Amino acid sequence: MVISAGLKTGEKIIVSDLRPAVEGMLLRVENDVATLERLKAQVLAKGELK
């Protein structure tokens, strides 16, 4: 998946596998610091972080 535009305030990206995902089910939000740091490093390497 490629995200080609920025996220709006409050929008989130789900990076874990949801099994089974059922419409309307509640999710527990957990910040994945390792994934966030890896994504930041990739963006910074490409010079695309604004």
PDB file of N, CA and C in Angstrom:
ATOM      1  N   MET A   1       0.836  -1.170   0.000  1.00  0.00           N
ATOM      2  CA  MET A   1       0.000   0.000   0.000  1.00  0.00           C
ATOM      3  C   MET A   1       0.878   1.229   0.000  1.00  0.00           C
ATOM      4  N   VAL A   2       0.499   2.224  -0.769  1.00  0.00           N
ATOM      5  CA  VAL A   2       1.234   3.473  -0.832  1.00  0.00           C
ATOM      6  C   VAL A   2       0.282   4.589  -0.448  1.00  0.00           C
ATOM      7  N   ILE A   3       0.712   5.403   0.485  1.00  0.00           N
ATOM      8  CA  ILE A   3      -0.067   6.581   0.871  1.00  0.00           C
ATOM      9  C   ILE A   3       0.582   7.757   0.168  1.00  0.00           C
ATOM     10  N   SER A   4      -0.118   8.349  -0.767  1.00  0.00           N
ATOM     11  CA  SER A   4       0.480   9.394  -1.595  1.00  0.00           C
ATOM     12  C   SER A   4       0.114  10.803  -1.138  1.00  0.00           C
ATOM     13  N   ALA A   5      -0.702  10.919  -0.114  1.00  0.00           N
ATOM     14  CA  ALA A   5      -1.075  12.234   0.401  1.00  0.00           C
ATOM     15  C   ALA A   5      -1.125  12.153   1.920  1.00  0.00           C
ATOM     16  N   GLY A   6      -1.093  13.293   2.554  1.00  0.00           N
ATOM     17  CA  GLY A   6      -1.093  13.342   4.006  1.00  0.00           C
ATOM     18  C   GLY A   6      -2.416  12.930   4.617  1.00  0.00           C
ATOM     19  N   LEU A   7      -2.355  12.638   5.899  1.00  0.00           N
ATOM     20  CA  LEU A   7      -3.561  12.302   6.647  1.00  0.00           C
ATOM     21  C   LEU A   7      -4.097  13.557   7.308  1.00  0.00           C
ATOM     22  N   LYS A   8      -5.380  13.595   7.490  1.00  0.00           N
ATOM     23  CA  LYS A   8      -5.999  14.695   8.216  1.00  0.00           C
ATOM     24  C   LYS A   8      -5.915  14.409   9.708  1.00  0.00           C
ATOM     25  N   THR A   9      -5.993  15.435  10.509  1.00  0.00           N
ATOM     26  CA  THR A   9      -5.958  15.278  11.954  1.00  0.00           C
ATOM     27  C   THR A   9      -7.011  14.280  12.400  1.00  0.00           C
ATOM     28  N   GLY A  10      -6.585  13.314  13.202  1.00  0.00           N
ATOM     29  CA  GLY A  10      -7.504  12.308  13.725  1.00  0.00           C
ATOM     30  C   GLY A  10      -7.602  11.052  12.884  1.00  0.00           C
ATOM     31  N   GLU A  11      -7.140  11.086  11.639  1.00  0.00           N
ATOM     32  CA  GLU A  11      -7.165   9.890  10.803  1.00  0.00           C
ATOM     33  C   GLU A  11      -6.053   8.946  11.231  1.00  0.00           C
ATOM     34  N   LYS A  12      -6.309   7.657  11.128  1.00  0.00           N
ATOM     35  CA  LYS A  12      -5.347   6.644  11.538  1.00  0.00           C
ATOM     36  C   LYS A  12      -5.189   5.599  10.444  1.00  0.00           C
ATOM     37  N   ILE A  13      -4.043   4.949  10.455  1.00  0.00           N
ATOM     38  CA  ILE A  13      -3.783   3.856   9.528  1.00  0.00           C
ATOM     39  C   ILE A  13      -3.683   2.576  10.342  1.00  0.00           C
ATOM     40  N   ILE A  14      -4.403   1.561   9.942  1.00  0.00           N
ATOM     41  CA  ILE A  14      -4.324   0.261  10.611  1.00  0.00           C
ATOM     42  C   ILE A  14      -3.232  -0.530   9.912  1.00  0.00           C
ATOM     43  N   VAL A  15      -2.201  -0.917  10.690  1.00  0.00           N
ATOM     44  CA  VAL A  15      -1.075  -1.639  10.099  1.00  0.00           C
ATOM     45  C   VAL A  15      -1.011  -3.096  10.546  1.00  0.00           C
ATOM     46  N   SER A  16      -1.901  -3.478  11.422  1.00  0.00           N
ATOM     47  CA  SER A  16      -1.904  -4.868  11.878  1.00  0.00           C
ATOM     48  C   SER A  16      -3.000  -5.647  11.161  1.00  0.00           C
ATOM     49  N   ASP A  17      -2.876  -6.942  11.204  1.00  0.00           N
ATOM     50  CA  ASP A  17      -3.843  -7.822  10.560  1.00  0.00           C
ATOM     51  C   ASP A  17      -5.068  -7.956  11.459  1.00  0.00           C
ATOM     52  N   LEU A  18      -6.216  -7.593  10.938  1.00  0.00           N
ATOM     53  CA  LEU A  18      -7.459  -7.706  11.703  1.00  0.00           C
ATOM     54  C   LEU A  18      -8.151  -9.004  11.330  1.00  0.00           C
ATOM     55  N   ARG A  19      -8.133  -9.964  12.208  1.00  0.00           N
ATOM     56  CA  ARG A  19      -8.806 -11.236  11.934  1.00  0.00           C
ATOM     57  C   ARG A  19      -9.673 -11.590  13.109  1.00  0.00           C
ATOM     58  N   PRO A  20     -10.852 -11.890  12.985  1.00  0.00           N
ATOM     59  CA  PRO A  20     -11.705 -11.487  11.861  1.00  0.00           C
ATOM     60  C   PRO A  20     -12.225 -10.083  12.107  1.00  0.00           C
ATOM     61  N   ALA A  21     -12.230  -9.257  11.113  1.00  0.00           N
ATOM     62  CA  ALA A  21     -12.797  -7.916  11.227  1.00  0.00           C
ATOM     63  C   ALA A  21     -14.280  -8.013  10.924  1.00  0.00           C
ATOM     64  N   VAL A  22     -15.094  -7.495  11.807  1.00  0.00           N
ATOM     65  CA  VAL A  22     -16.541  -7.536  11.637  1.00  0.00           C
ATOM     66  C   VAL A  22     -17.045  -6.098  11.650  1.00  0.00           C
ATOM     67  N   GLU A  23     -17.858  -5.749  10.677  1.00  0.00           N
ATOM     68  CA  GLU A  23     -18.377  -4.391  10.588  1.00  0.00           C
ATOM     69  C   GLU A  23     -19.007  -3.978  11.910  1.00  0.00           C
ATOM     70  N   GLY A  24     -18.596  -2.812  12.395  1.00  0.00           N
ATOM     71  CA  GLY A  24     -19.146  -2.270  13.629  1.00  0.00           C
ATOM     72  C   GLY A  24     -18.401  -2.681  14.885  1.00  0.00           C
ATOM     73  N   MET A  25     -17.433  -3.585  14.757  1.00  0.00           N
ATOM     74  CA  MET A  25     -16.727  -4.029  15.960  1.00  0.00           C
ATOM     75  C   MET A  25     -15.819  -2.922  16.473  1.00  0.00           C
ATOM     76  N   LEU A  26     -15.645  -2.876  17.777  1.00  0.00           N
ATOM     77  CA  LEU A  26     -14.783  -1.878  18.400  1.00  0.00           C
ATOM     78  C   LEU A  26     -13.331  -2.334  18.291  1.00  0.00           C
ATOM     79  N   LEU A  27     -12.450  -1.364  18.100  1.00  0.00           N
ATOM     80  CA  LEU A  27     -11.031  -1.650  18.020  1.00  0.00           C
ATOM     81  C   LEU A  27     -10.316  -0.998  19.189  1.00  0.00           C
ATOM     82  N   ARG A  28      -9.253  -1.620  19.636  1.00  0.00           N
ATOM     83  CA  ARG A  28      -8.414  -1.027  20.676  1.00  0.00           C
ATOM     84  C   ARG A  28      -7.219  -0.399  19.964  1.00  0.00           C
ATOM     85  N   VAL A  29      -7.051   0.906  20.123  1.00  0.00           N
ATOM     86  CA  VAL A  29      -5.964   1.619  19.471  1.00  0.00           C
ATOM     87  C   VAL A  29      -4.682   1.422  20.264  1.00  0.00           C
ATOM     88  N   GLU A  30      -3.643   0.977  19.569  1.00  0.00           N
ATOM     89  CA  GLU A  30      -2.322   0.839  20.172  1.00  0.00           C
ATOM     90  C   GLU A  30      -1.323   1.500  19.239  1.00  0.00           C
ATOM     91  N   ASN A  31      -0.497   2.358  19.778  1.00  0.00           N
ATOM     92  CA  ASN A  31       0.527   2.989  18.962  1.00  0.00           C
ATOM     93  C   ASN A  31       1.678   2.019  18.783  1.00  0.00           C
ATOM     94  N   ASP A  32       2.031   1.755  17.544  1.00  0.00           N
ATOM     95  CA  ASP A  32       3.144   0.873  17.218  1.00  0.00           C
ATOM     96  C   ASP A  32       4.355   1.763  16.946  1.00  0.00           C
ATOM     97  N   VAL A  33       5.108   2.047  17.999  1.00  0.00           N
ATOM     98  CA  VAL A  33       6.221   2.990  17.917  1.00  0.00           C
ATOM     99  C   VAL A  33       7.274   2.515  16.919  1.00  0.00           C
ATOM    100  N   ALA A  34       7.577   1.235  16.907  1.00  0.00           N
ATOM    101  CA  ALA A  34       8.602   0.709  15.997  1.00  0.00           C
ATOM    102  C   ALA A  34       8.198   0.928  14.538  1.00  0.00           C
ATOM    103  N   THR A  35       6.938   0.655  14.201  1.00  0.00           N
ATOM    104  CA  THR A  35       6.474   0.861  12.831  1.00  0.00           C
ATOM    105  C   THR A  35       6.474   2.343  12.489  1.00  0.00           C
ATOM    106  N   LEU A  36       6.046   3.187  13.401  1.00  0.00           N
ATOM    107  CA  LEU A  36       6.032   4.629  13.173  1.00  0.00           C
ATOM    108  C   LEU A  36       7.438   5.141  12.882  1.00  0.00           C
ATOM    109  N   GLU A  37       8.401   4.728  13.673  1.00  0.00           N
ATOM    110  CA  GLU A  37       9.780   5.173  13.469  1.00  0.00           C
ATOM    111  C   GLU A  37      10.340   4.669  12.138  1.00  0.00           C
ATOM    112  N   ARG A  38      10.015   3.437  11.764  1.00  0.00           N
ATOM    113  CA  ARG A  38      10.469   2.892  10.486  1.00  0.00           C
ATOM    114  C   ARG A  38       9.874   3.684   9.317  1.00  0.00           C
ATOM    115  N   LEU A  39       8.575   4.014   9.398  1.00  0.00           N
ATOM    116  CA  LEU A  39       7.932   4.789   8.352  1.00  0.00           C
ATOM    117  C   LEU A  39       8.509   6.200   8.265  1.00  0.00           C
ATOM    118  N   LYS A  40       8.762   6.814   9.410  1.00  0.00           N
ATOM    119  CA  LYS A  40       9.367   8.154   9.419  1.00  0.00           C
ATOM    120  C   LYS A  40      10.737   8.127   8.743  1.00  0.00           C
ATOM    121  N   ALA A  41      11.544   7.125   9.056  1.00  0.00           N
ATOM    122  CA  ALA A  41      12.880   7.009   8.474  1.00  0.00           C
ATOM    123  C   ALA A  41      12.799   6.849   6.964  1.00  0.00           C
ATOM    124  N   GLN A  42      11.830   6.066   6.485  1.00  0.00           N
ATOM    125  CA  GLN A  42      11.669   5.867   5.045  1.00  0.00           C
ATOM    126  C   GLN A  42      11.268   7.161   4.359  1.00  0.00           C
ATOM    127  N   VAL A  43      10.374   7.908   4.976  1.00  0.00           N
ATOM    128  CA  VAL A  43       9.922   9.176   4.390  1.00  0.00           C
ATOM    129  C   VAL A  43      11.057  10.187   4.395  1.00  0.00           C
ATOM    130  N   LEU A  44      11.776  10.285   5.501  1.00  0.00           N
ATOM    131  CA  LEU A  44      12.882  11.238   5.582  1.00  0.00           C
ATOM    132  C   LEU A  44      13.963  10.918   4.553  1.00  0.00           C
ATOM    133  N   ALA A  45      14.209   9.637   4.297  1.00  0.00           N
ATOM    134  CA  ALA A  45      15.211   9.231   3.328  1.00  0.00           C
ATOM    135  C   ALA A  45      14.819   9.686   1.914  1.00  0.00           C
ATOM    136  N   LYS A  46      13.542   9.787   1.666  1.00  0.00           N
ATOM    137  CA  LYS A  46      13.056  10.227   0.351  1.00  0.00           C
ATOM    138  C   LYS A  46      12.846  11.730   0.305  1.00  0.00           C
ATOM    139  N   GLY A  47      13.000  12.416   1.444  1.00  0.00           N
ATOM    140  CA  GLY A  47      12.836  13.865   1.479  1.00  0.00           C
ATOM    141  C   GLY A  47      11.413  14.321   1.296  1.00  0.00           C
ATOM    142  N   GLU A  48      10.448  13.518   1.719  1.00  0.00           N
ATOM    143  CA  GLU A  48       9.046  13.847   1.477  1.00  0.00           C
ATOM    144  C   GLU A  48       8.292  14.302   2.721  1.00  0.00           C
ATOM    145  N   LEU A  49       8.948  14.344   3.869  1.00  0.00           N
ATOM    146  CA  LEU A  49       8.251  14.747   5.096  1.00  0.00           C
ATOM    147  C   LEU A  49       8.184  16.260   5.152  1.00  0.00           C
ATOM    148  N   LYS A  50       6.993  16.761   5.339  1.00  0.00           N
ATOM    149  CA  LYS A  50       6.802  18.224   5.396  1.00  0.00           C
ATOM    150  C   LYS A  50       6.283  18.614   6.751  1.00  0.00           C
TER     151      LYS A  50
END
